[in-house]
Amino acid sequence: FRVAGFDVLPYPTDYQTPSGTSLYRPSATTVRNL
């Protein structure tokens, strides 16, 4: 968007990772880790 000349305010969503120490605990569903 910056290269296109469109100045935007990023509003992220759809987070797929936790925060804190939970980040170091992989899912028990191995496909999700892959």
PDB file of all heavy atoms in Angstrom:
ATOM      1  N   PHE A   1       0.830  -1.201   0.000  1.00  0.00           N
ATOM      2  CA  PHE A   1       0.000   0.000   0.000  1.00  0.00           C
ATOM      3  C   PHE A   1       0.866   1.253   0.000  1.00  0.00           C
ATOM      4  O   PHE A   1       0.510   2.262  -0.626  1.00  0.00           O
ATOM      5  CB  PHE A   1      -0.963  -0.015   1.187  1.00  0.00           C
ATOM      6  CG  PHE A   1      -2.261  -0.719   0.900  1.00  0.00           C
ATOM      7  CD1 PHE A   1      -2.325  -2.106   0.849  1.00  0.00           C
ATOM      8  CD2 PHE A   1      -3.419   0.007   0.654  1.00  0.00           C
ATOM      9  CE1 PHE A   1      -3.510  -2.760   0.561  1.00  0.00           C
ATOM     10  CE2 PHE A   1      -4.620  -0.639   0.370  1.00  0.00           C
ATOM     11  CZ  PHE A   1      -4.662  -2.026   0.315  1.00  0.00           C
ATOM     12  N   ARG A   2       2.013   1.220   0.677  1.00  0.00           N
ATOM     13  CA  ARG A   2       2.898   2.387   0.674  1.00  0.00           C
ATOM     14  C   ARG A   2       3.460   2.636  -0.718  1.00  0.00           C
ATOM     15  O   ARG A   2       3.521   3.779  -1.171  1.00  0.00           O
ATOM     16  CB  ARG A   2       4.021   2.176   1.688  1.00  0.00           C
ATOM     17  CG  ARG A   2       3.563   2.325   3.137  1.00  0.00           C
ATOM     18  CD  ARG A   2       4.677   1.963   4.119  1.00  0.00           C
ATOM     19  NE  ARG A   2       4.234   2.122   5.502  1.00  0.00           N
ATOM     20  CZ  ARG A   2       4.929   1.718   6.564  1.00  0.00           C
ATOM     21  NH1 ARG A   2       6.105   1.101   6.397  1.00  0.00           N
ATOM     22  NH2 ARG A   2       4.464   1.891   7.785  1.00  0.00           N
ATOM     23  N   VAL A   3       3.863   1.575  -1.406  1.00  0.00           N
ATOM     24  CA  VAL A   3       4.371   1.738  -2.767  1.00  0.00           C
ATOM     25  C   VAL A   3       3.271   2.235  -3.700  1.00  0.00           C
ATOM     26  O   VAL A   3       3.532   3.032  -4.616  1.00  0.00           O
ATOM     27  CB  VAL A   3       4.965   0.401  -3.277  1.00  0.00           C
ATOM     28  CG1 VAL A   3       5.261   0.468  -4.773  1.00  0.00           C
ATOM     29  CG2 VAL A   3       6.240   0.065  -2.517  1.00  0.00           C
ATOM     30  N   ALA A   4       2.041   1.803  -3.456  1.00  0.00           N
ATOM     31  CA  ALA A   4       0.910   2.249  -4.280  1.00  0.00           C
ATOM     32  C   ALA A   4       0.499   3.680  -3.970  1.00  0.00           C
ATOM     33  O   ALA A   4      -0.360   4.242  -4.654  1.00  0.00           O
ATOM     34  CB  ALA A   4      -0.276   1.303  -4.080  1.00  0.00           C
ATOM     35  N   GLY A   5       1.080   4.284  -2.932  1.00  0.00           N
ATOM     36  CA  GLY A   5       0.736   5.653  -2.578  1.00  0.00           C
ATOM     37  C   GLY A   5      -0.544   5.783  -1.780  1.00  0.00           C
ATOM     38  O   GLY A   5      -1.192   6.830  -1.800  1.00  0.00           O
ATOM     39  N   PHE A   6      -0.894   4.736  -1.081  1.00  0.00           N
ATOM     40  CA  PHE A   6      -2.125   4.730  -0.285  1.00  0.00           C
ATOM     41  C   PHE A   6      -1.714   4.596   1.182  1.00  0.00           C
ATOM     42  O   PHE A   6      -1.356   3.524   1.652  1.00  0.00           O
ATOM     43  CB  PHE A   6      -3.002   3.561  -0.709  1.00  0.00           C
ATOM     44  CG  PHE A   6      -4.430   3.622  -0.196  1.00  0.00           C
ATOM     45  CD1 PHE A   6      -5.392   2.781  -0.730  1.00  0.00           C
ATOM     46  CD2 PHE A   6      -4.826   4.511   0.801  1.00  0.00           C
ATOM     47  CE1 PHE A   6      -6.707   2.812  -0.283  1.00  0.00           C
ATOM     48  CE2 PHE A   6      -6.125   4.557   1.257  1.00  0.00           C
ATOM     49  CZ  PHE A   6      -7.070   3.690   0.705  1.00  0.00           C
ATOM     50  N   ASP A   7      -1.769   5.701   1.921  1.00  0.00           N
ATOM     51  CA  ASP A   7      -1.370   5.707   3.331  1.00  0.00           C
ATOM     52  C   ASP A   7      -2.519   5.164   4.176  1.00  0.00           C
ATOM     53  O   ASP A   7      -3.606   5.737   4.210  1.00  0.00           O
ATOM     54  CB  ASP A   7      -1.011   7.131   3.764  1.00  0.00           C
ATOM     55  CG  ASP A   7      -0.377   7.163   5.149  1.00  0.00           C
ATOM     56  OD1 ASP A   7       0.186   6.132   5.558  1.00  0.00           O
ATOM     57  OD2 ASP A   7      -0.444   8.209   5.811  1.00  0.00           O
ATOM     58  N   VAL A   8      -2.277   4.032   4.840  1.00  0.00           N
ATOM     59  CA  VAL A   8      -3.328   3.377   5.624  1.00  0.00           C
ATOM     60  C   VAL A   8      -2.889   3.216   7.071  1.00  0.00           C
ATOM     61  O   VAL A   8      -1.693   3.207   7.383  1.00  0.00           O
ATOM     62  CB  VAL A   8      -3.673   1.988   5.033  1.00  0.00           C
ATOM     63  CG1 VAL A   8      -4.377   2.124   3.699  1.00  0.00           C
ATOM     64  CG2 VAL A   8      -2.419   1.121   4.906  1.00  0.00           C
ATOM     65  N   LEU A   9      -3.874   3.088   7.957  1.00  0.00           N
ATOM     66  CA  LEU A   9      -3.620   2.787   9.364  1.00  0.00           C
ATOM     67  C   LEU A   9      -3.857   1.290   9.553  1.00  0.00           C
ATOM     68  O   LEU A   9      -4.998   0.817   9.460  1.00  0.00           O
ATOM     69  CB  LEU A   9      -4.557   3.594  10.259  1.00  0.00           C
ATOM     70  CG  LEU A   9      -4.439   3.353  11.769  1.00  0.00           C
ATOM     71  CD1 LEU A   9      -3.053   3.739  12.277  1.00  0.00           C
ATOM     72  CD2 LEU A   9      -5.517   4.148  12.531  1.00  0.00           C
ATOM     73  N   PRO A  10      -2.803   0.503   9.787  1.00  0.00           N
ATOM     74  CA  PRO A  10      -2.965  -0.949   9.893  1.00  0.00           C
ATOM     75  C   PRO A  10      -3.811  -1.345  11.102  1.00  0.00           C
ATOM     76  O   PRO A  10      -3.563  -0.900  12.218  1.00  0.00           O
ATOM     77  CB  PRO A  10      -1.528  -1.456  10.039  1.00  0.00           C
ATOM     78  CG  PRO A  10      -0.662  -0.334   9.558  1.00  0.00           C
ATOM     79  CD  PRO A  10      -1.395   0.922   9.897  1.00  0.00           C
ATOM     80  N   TYR A  11      -4.788  -2.190  10.852  1.00  0.00           N
ATOM     81  CA  TYR A  11      -5.632  -2.712  11.929  1.00  0.00           C
ATOM     82  C   TYR A  11      -5.649  -4.238  11.813  1.00  0.00           C
ATOM     83  O   TYR A  11      -6.537  -4.827  11.194  1.00  0.00           O
ATOM     84  CB  TYR A  11      -7.048  -2.147  11.835  1.00  0.00           C
ATOM     85  CG  TYR A  11      -7.842  -2.334  13.115  1.00  0.00           C
ATOM     86  CD1 TYR A  11      -7.716  -1.432  14.166  1.00  0.00           C
ATOM     87  CD2 TYR A  11      -8.701  -3.422  13.272  1.00  0.00           C
ATOM     88  CE1 TYR A  11      -8.429  -1.611  15.345  1.00  0.00           C
ATOM     89  CE2 TYR A  11      -9.412  -3.609  14.451  1.00  0.00           C
ATOM     90  CZ  TYR A  11      -9.270  -2.689  15.481  1.00  0.00           C
ATOM     91  OH  TYR A  11      -9.968  -2.868  16.656  1.00  0.00           O
ATOM     92  N   PRO A  12      -4.629  -4.905  12.395  1.00  0.00           N
ATOM     93  CA  PRO A  12      -4.493  -6.354  12.226  1.00  0.00           C
ATOM     94  C   PRO A  12      -5.575  -7.140  12.963  1.00  0.00           C
ATOM     95  O   PRO A  12      -6.103  -6.708  13.983  1.00  0.00           O
ATOM     96  CB  PRO A  12      -3.109  -6.645  12.811  1.00  0.00           C
ATOM     97  CG  PRO A  12      -2.868  -5.530  13.788  1.00  0.00           C
ATOM     98  CD  PRO A  12      -3.544  -4.323  13.206  1.00  0.00           C
ATOM     99  N   THR A  13      -5.860  -8.316  12.420  1.00  0.00           N
ATOM    100  CA  THR A  13      -6.832  -9.217  13.031  1.00  0.00           C
ATOM    101  C   THR A  13      -6.408 -10.649  12.694  1.00  0.00           C
ATOM    102  O   THR A  13      -5.327 -10.863  12.148  1.00  0.00           O
ATOM    103  CB  THR A  13      -8.255  -8.922  12.530  1.00  0.00           C
ATOM    104  OG1 THR A  13      -9.198  -9.691  13.271  1.00  0.00           O
ATOM    105  CG2 THR A  13      -8.396  -9.221  11.054  1.00  0.00           C
ATOM    106  N   ASP A  14      -7.215 -11.624  13.033  1.00  0.00           N
ATOM    107  CA  ASP A  14      -6.954 -13.017  12.665  1.00  0.00           C
ATOM    108  C   ASP A  14      -5.600 -13.489  13.200  1.00  0.00           C
ATOM    109  O   ASP A  14      -4.772 -14.018  12.460  1.00  0.00           O
ATOM    110  CB  ASP A  14      -7.028 -13.173  11.132  1.00  0.00           C
ATOM    111  CG  ASP A  14      -6.763 -14.602  10.674  1.00  0.00           C
ATOM    112  OD1 ASP A  14      -7.161 -15.529  11.390  1.00  0.00           O
ATOM    113  OD2 ASP A  14      -6.144 -14.768   9.603  1.00  0.00           O
ATOM    114  N   TYR A  15      -5.363 -13.300  14.493  1.00  0.00           N
ATOM    115  CA  TYR A  15      -4.123 -13.766  15.113  1.00  0.00           C
ATOM    116  C   TYR A  15      -4.119 -15.293  15.211  1.00  0.00           C
ATOM    117  O   TYR A  15      -5.117 -15.897  15.581  1.00  0.00           O
ATOM    118  CB  TYR A  15      -3.956 -13.159  16.497  1.00  0.00           C
ATOM    119  CG  TYR A  15      -3.648 -11.687  16.466  1.00  0.00           C
ATOM    120  CD1 TYR A  15      -4.668 -10.733  16.500  1.00  0.00           C
ATOM    121  CD2 TYR A  15      -2.339 -11.233  16.384  1.00  0.00           C
ATOM    122  CE1 TYR A  15      -4.388  -9.373  16.459  1.00  0.00           C
ATOM    123  CE2 TYR A  15      -2.040  -9.878  16.349  1.00  0.00           C
ATOM    124  CZ  TYR A  15      -3.072  -8.956  16.381  1.00  0.00           C
ATOM    125  OH  TYR A  15      -2.791  -7.615  16.333  1.00  0.00           O
ATOM    126  N   GLN A  16      -2.969 -15.895  14.906  1.00  0.00           N
ATOM    127  CA  GLN A  16      -2.829 -17.347  14.927  1.00  0.00           C
ATOM    128  C   GLN A  16      -1.863 -17.836  16.010  1.00  0.00           C
ATOM    129  O   GLN A  16      -1.658 -19.033  16.148  1.00  0.00           O
ATOM    130  CB  GLN A  16      -2.321 -17.830  13.561  1.00  0.00           C
ATOM    131  CG  GLN A  16      -3.217 -17.481  12.395  1.00  0.00           C
ATOM    132  CD  GLN A  16      -4.568 -18.161  12.452  1.00  0.00           C
ATOM    133  OE1 GLN A  16      -4.652 -19.350  12.761  1.00  0.00           O
ATOM    134  NE2 GLN A  16      -5.639 -17.424  12.195  1.00  0.00           N
ATOM    135  N   THR A  17      -1.273 -16.891  16.745  1.00  0.00           N
ATOM    136  CA  THR A  17      -0.315 -17.288  17.782  1.00  0.00           C
ATOM    137  C   THR A  17      -0.694 -16.661  19.116  1.00  0.00           C
ATOM    138  O   THR A  17      -1.215 -15.542  19.158  1.00  0.00           O
ATOM    139  CB  THR A  17       1.115 -16.837  17.417  1.00  0.00           C
ATOM    140  OG1 THR A  17       1.174 -15.402  17.376  1.00  0.00           O
ATOM    141  CG2 THR A  17       1.528 -17.400  16.071  1.00  0.00           C
ATOM    142  N   PRO A  18      -0.414 -17.367  20.228  1.00  0.00           N
ATOM    143  CA  PRO A  18      -0.670 -16.791  21.556  1.00  0.00           C
ATOM    144  C   PRO A  18       0.492 -15.883  21.954  1.00  0.00           C
ATOM    145  O   PRO A  18       1.475 -15.733  21.224  1.00  0.00           O
ATOM    146  CB  PRO A  18      -0.728 -18.029  22.453  1.00  0.00           C
ATOM    147  CG  PRO A  18       0.215 -18.983  21.792  1.00  0.00           C
ATOM    148  CD  PRO A  18       0.085 -18.733  20.305  1.00  0.00           C
ATOM    149  N   SER A  19       0.388 -15.289  23.115  1.00  0.00           N
ATOM    150  CA  SER A  19       1.479 -14.465  23.642  1.00  0.00           C
ATOM    151  C   SER A  19       2.013 -15.107  24.918  1.00  0.00           C
ATOM    152  O   SER A  19       1.443 -16.061  25.449  1.00  0.00           O
ATOM    153  CB  SER A  19       1.000 -13.042  23.928  1.00  0.00           C
ATOM    154  OG  SER A  19      -0.019 -13.058  24.919  1.00  0.00           O
ATOM    155  N   GLY A  20       3.124 -14.560  25.399  1.00  0.00           N
ATOM    156  CA  GLY A  20       3.700 -15.062  26.638  1.00  0.00           C
ATOM    157  C   GLY A  20       4.306 -16.449  26.489  1.00  0.00           C
ATOM    158  O   GLY A  20       4.708 -16.875  25.403  1.00  0.00           O
ATOM    159  N   THR A  21       4.339 -17.188  27.573  1.00  0.00           N
ATOM    160  CA  THR A  21       4.968 -18.506  27.558  1.00  0.00           C
ATOM    161  C   THR A  21       4.200 -19.522  26.724  1.00  0.00           C
ATOM    162  O   THR A  21       4.762 -20.542  26.314  1.00  0.00           O
ATOM    163  CB  THR A  21       5.107 -19.036  28.993  1.00  0.00           C
ATOM    164  OG1 THR A  21       3.806 -19.085  29.616  1.00  0.00           O
ATOM    165  CG2 THR A  21       6.022 -18.135  29.819  1.00  0.00           C
ATOM    166  N   SER A  22       2.935 -19.248  26.452  1.00  0.00           N
ATOM    167  CA  SER A  22       2.140 -20.164  25.624  1.00  0.00           C
ATOM    168  C   SER A  22       2.709 -20.293  24.221  1.00  0.00           C
ATOM    169  O   SER A  22       2.442 -21.267  23.515  1.00  0.00           O
ATOM    170  CB  SER A  22       0.690 -19.683  25.540  1.00  0.00           C
ATOM    171  OG  SER A  22       0.065 -19.735  26.798  1.00  0.00           O
ATOM    172  N   LEU A  23       3.511 -19.300  23.829  1.00  0.00           N
ATOM    173  CA  LEU A  23       4.109 -19.320  22.498  1.00  0.00           C
ATOM    174  C   LEU A  23       5.036 -20.521  22.323  1.00  0.00           C
ATOM    175  O   LEU A  23       5.265 -20.974  21.193  1.00  0.00           O
ATOM    176  CB  LEU A  23       4.879 -18.014  22.276  1.00  0.00           C
ATOM    177  CG  LEU A  23       5.470 -17.767  20.892  1.00  0.00           C
ATOM    178  CD1 LEU A  23       4.368 -17.671  19.850  1.00  0.00           C
ATOM    179  CD2 LEU A  23       6.306 -16.497  20.891  1.00  0.00           C
ATOM    180  N   TYR A  24       5.558 -21.044  23.418  1.00  0.00           N
ATOM    181  CA  TYR A  24       6.528 -22.130  23.344  1.00  0.00           C
ATOM    182  C   TYR A  24       5.886 -23.504  23.520  1.00  0.00           C
ATOM    183  O   TYR A  24       6.591 -24.509  23.627  1.00  0.00           O
ATOM    184  CB  TYR A  24       7.621 -21.923  24.393  1.00  0.00           C
ATOM    185  CG  TYR A  24       8.350 -20.611  24.203  1.00  0.00           C
ATOM    186  CD1 TYR A  24       7.953 -19.466  24.909  1.00  0.00           C
ATOM    187  CD2 TYR A  24       9.388 -20.506  23.293  1.00  0.00           C
ATOM    188  CE1 TYR A  24       8.604 -18.253  24.715  1.00  0.00           C
ATOM    189  CE2 TYR A  24      10.047 -19.294  23.092  1.00  0.00           C
ATOM    190  CZ  TYR A  24       9.644 -18.176  23.803  1.00  0.00           C
ATOM    191  OH  TYR A  24      10.281 -16.981  23.602  1.00  0.00           O
ATOM    192  N   ARG A  25       4.561 -23.538  23.541  1.00  0.00           N
ATOM    193  CA  ARG A  25       3.863 -24.811  23.674  1.00  0.00           C
ATOM    194  C   ARG A  25       3.142 -25.115  22.365  1.00  0.00           C
ATOM    195  O   ARG A  25       2.104 -24.507  22.071  1.00  0.00           O
ATOM    196  CB  ARG A  25       2.871 -24.771  24.835  1.00  0.00           C
ATOM    197  CG  ARG A  25       3.541 -24.639  26.195  1.00  0.00           C
ATOM    198  CD  ARG A  25       2.612 -25.039  27.315  1.00  0.00           C
ATOM    199  NE  ARG A  25       1.444 -24.172  27.411  1.00  0.00           N
ATOM    200  CZ  ARG A  25       1.394 -23.063  28.145  1.00  0.00           C
ATOM    201  NH1 ARG A  25       2.453 -22.677  28.846  1.00  0.00           N
ATOM    202  NH2 ARG A  25       0.302 -22.329  28.193  1.00  0.00           N
ATOM    203  N   PRO A  26       3.670 -26.035  21.577  1.00  0.00           N
ATOM    204  CA  PRO A  26       3.025 -26.352  20.291  1.00  0.00           C
ATOM    205  C   PRO A  26       1.678 -27.022  20.499  1.00  0.00           C
ATOM    206  O   PRO A  26       1.389 -27.573  21.561  1.00  0.00           O
ATOM    207  CB  PRO A  26       4.021 -27.294  19.620  1.00  0.00           C
ATOM    208  CG  PRO A  26       4.774 -27.917  20.751  1.00  0.00           C
ATOM    209  CD  PRO A  26       4.866 -26.854  21.810  1.00  0.00           C
ATOM    210  N   SER A  27       0.873 -26.987  19.470  1.00  0.00           N
ATOM    211  CA  SER A  27      -0.446 -27.612  19.517  1.00  0.00           C
ATOM    212  C   SER A  27      -0.313 -29.126  19.587  1.00  0.00           C
ATOM    213  O   SER A  27       0.627 -29.715  19.057  1.00  0.00           O
ATOM    214  CB  SER A  27      -1.254 -27.220  18.284  1.00  0.00           C
ATOM    215  OG  SER A  27      -2.456 -27.959  18.206  1.00  0.00           O
ATOM    216  N   ALA A  28      -1.267 -29.762  20.253  1.00  0.00           N
ATOM    217  CA  ALA A  28      -1.295 -31.221  20.278  1.00  0.00           C
ATOM    218  C   ALA A  28      -1.722 -31.777  18.925  1.00  0.00           C
ATOM    219  O   ALA A  28      -1.529 -32.956  18.628  1.00  0.00           O
ATOM    220  CB  ALA A  28      -2.245 -31.710  21.371  1.00  0.00           C
ATOM    221  N   THR A  29      -2.324 -30.933  18.107  1.00  0.00           N
ATOM    222  CA  THR A  29      -2.689 -31.312  16.742  1.00  0.00           C
ATOM    223  C   THR A  29      -1.516 -30.972  15.829  1.00  0.00           C
ATOM    224  O   THR A  29      -1.298 -29.804  15.482  1.00  0.00           O
ATOM    225  CB  THR A  29      -3.957 -30.563  16.288  1.00  0.00           C
ATOM    226  OG1 THR A  29      -4.996 -30.772  17.237  1.00  0.00           O
ATOM    227  CG2 THR A  29      -4.405 -31.041  14.919  1.00  0.00           C
ATOM    228  N   THR A  30      -0.745 -31.970  15.460  1.00  0.00           N
ATOM    229  CA  THR A  30       0.512 -31.730  14.752  1.00  0.00           C
ATOM    230  C   THR A  30       0.319 -31.032  13.418  1.00  0.00           C
ATOM    231  O   THR A  30       1.198 -30.298  12.970  1.00  0.00           O
ATOM    232  CB  THR A  30       1.258 -33.057  14.537  1.00  0.00           C
ATOM    233  OG1 THR A  30       0.404 -33.961  13.824  1.00  0.00           O
ATOM    234  CG2 THR A  30       1.641 -33.675  15.869  1.00  0.00           C
ATOM    235  N   VAL A  31      -0.819 -31.257  12.769  1.00  0.00           N
ATOM    236  CA  VAL A  31      -1.065 -30.611  11.476  1.00  0.00           C
ATOM    237  C   VAL A  31      -1.095 -29.094  11.629  1.00  0.00           C
ATOM    238  O   VAL A  31      -0.647 -28.359  10.744  1.00  0.00           O
ATOM    239  CB  VAL A  31      -2.382 -31.129  10.858  1.00  0.00           C
ATOM    240  CG1 VAL A  31      -2.729 -30.351   9.596  1.00  0.00           C
ATOM    241  CG2 VAL A  31      -2.275 -32.613  10.540  1.00  0.00           C
ATOM    242  N   ARG A  32      -1.609 -28.607  12.737  1.00  0.00           N
ATOM    243  CA  ARG A  32      -1.673 -27.161  12.956  1.00  0.00           C
ATOM    244  C   ARG A  32      -0.265 -26.577  13.121  1.00  0.00           C
ATOM    245  O   ARG A  32      -0.012 -25.444  12.699  1.00  0.00           O
ATOM    246  CB  ARG A  32      -2.537 -26.840  14.176  1.00  0.00           C
ATOM    247  CG  ARG A  32      -3.996 -27.211  13.988  1.00  0.00           C
ATOM    248  CD  ARG A  32      -4.863 -26.663  15.101  1.00  0.00           C
ATOM    249  NE  ARG A  32      -4.925 -25.220  15.076  1.00  0.00           N
ATOM    250  CZ  ARG A  32      -5.747 -24.518  14.304  1.00  0.00           C
ATOM    251  NH1 ARG A  32      -6.572 -25.135  13.472  1.00  0.00           N
ATOM    252  NH2 ARG A  32      -5.759 -23.202  14.359  1.00  0.00           N
ATOM    253  N   ASN A  33       0.640 -27.324  13.732  1.00  0.00           N
ATOM    254  CA  ASN A  33       2.026 -26.852  13.841  1.00  0.00           C
ATOM    255  C   ASN A  33       2.668 -26.753  12.460  1.00  0.00           C
ATOM    256  O   ASN A  33       3.355 -25.769  12.149  1.00  0.00           O
ATOM    257  CB  ASN A  33       2.828 -27.806  14.723  1.00  0.00           C
ATOM    258  CG  ASN A  33       2.286 -27.896  16.137  1.00  0.00           C
ATOM    259  OD1 ASN A  33       1.833 -26.900  16.694  1.00  0.00           O
ATOM    260  ND2 ASN A  33       2.329 -29.080  16.716  1.00  0.00           N
ATOM    261  N   LEU A  34       2.448 -27.760  11.637  1.00  0.00           N
ATOM    262  CA  LEU A  34       2.969 -27.745  10.272  1.00  0.00           C
ATOM    263  C   LEU A  34       2.346 -26.605   9.473  1.00  0.00           C
ATOM    264  O   LEU A  34       3.030 -25.914   8.705  1.00  0.00           O
ATOM    265  CB  LEU A  34       2.676 -29.088   9.600  1.00  0.00           C
ATOM    266  CG  LEU A  34       2.983 -29.205   8.106  1.00  0.00           C
ATOM    267  CD1 LEU A  34       4.463 -28.987   7.840  1.00  0.00           C
ATOM    268  CD2 LEU A  34       2.540 -30.577   7.578  1.00  0.00           C
TER     269      LEU A  34
END
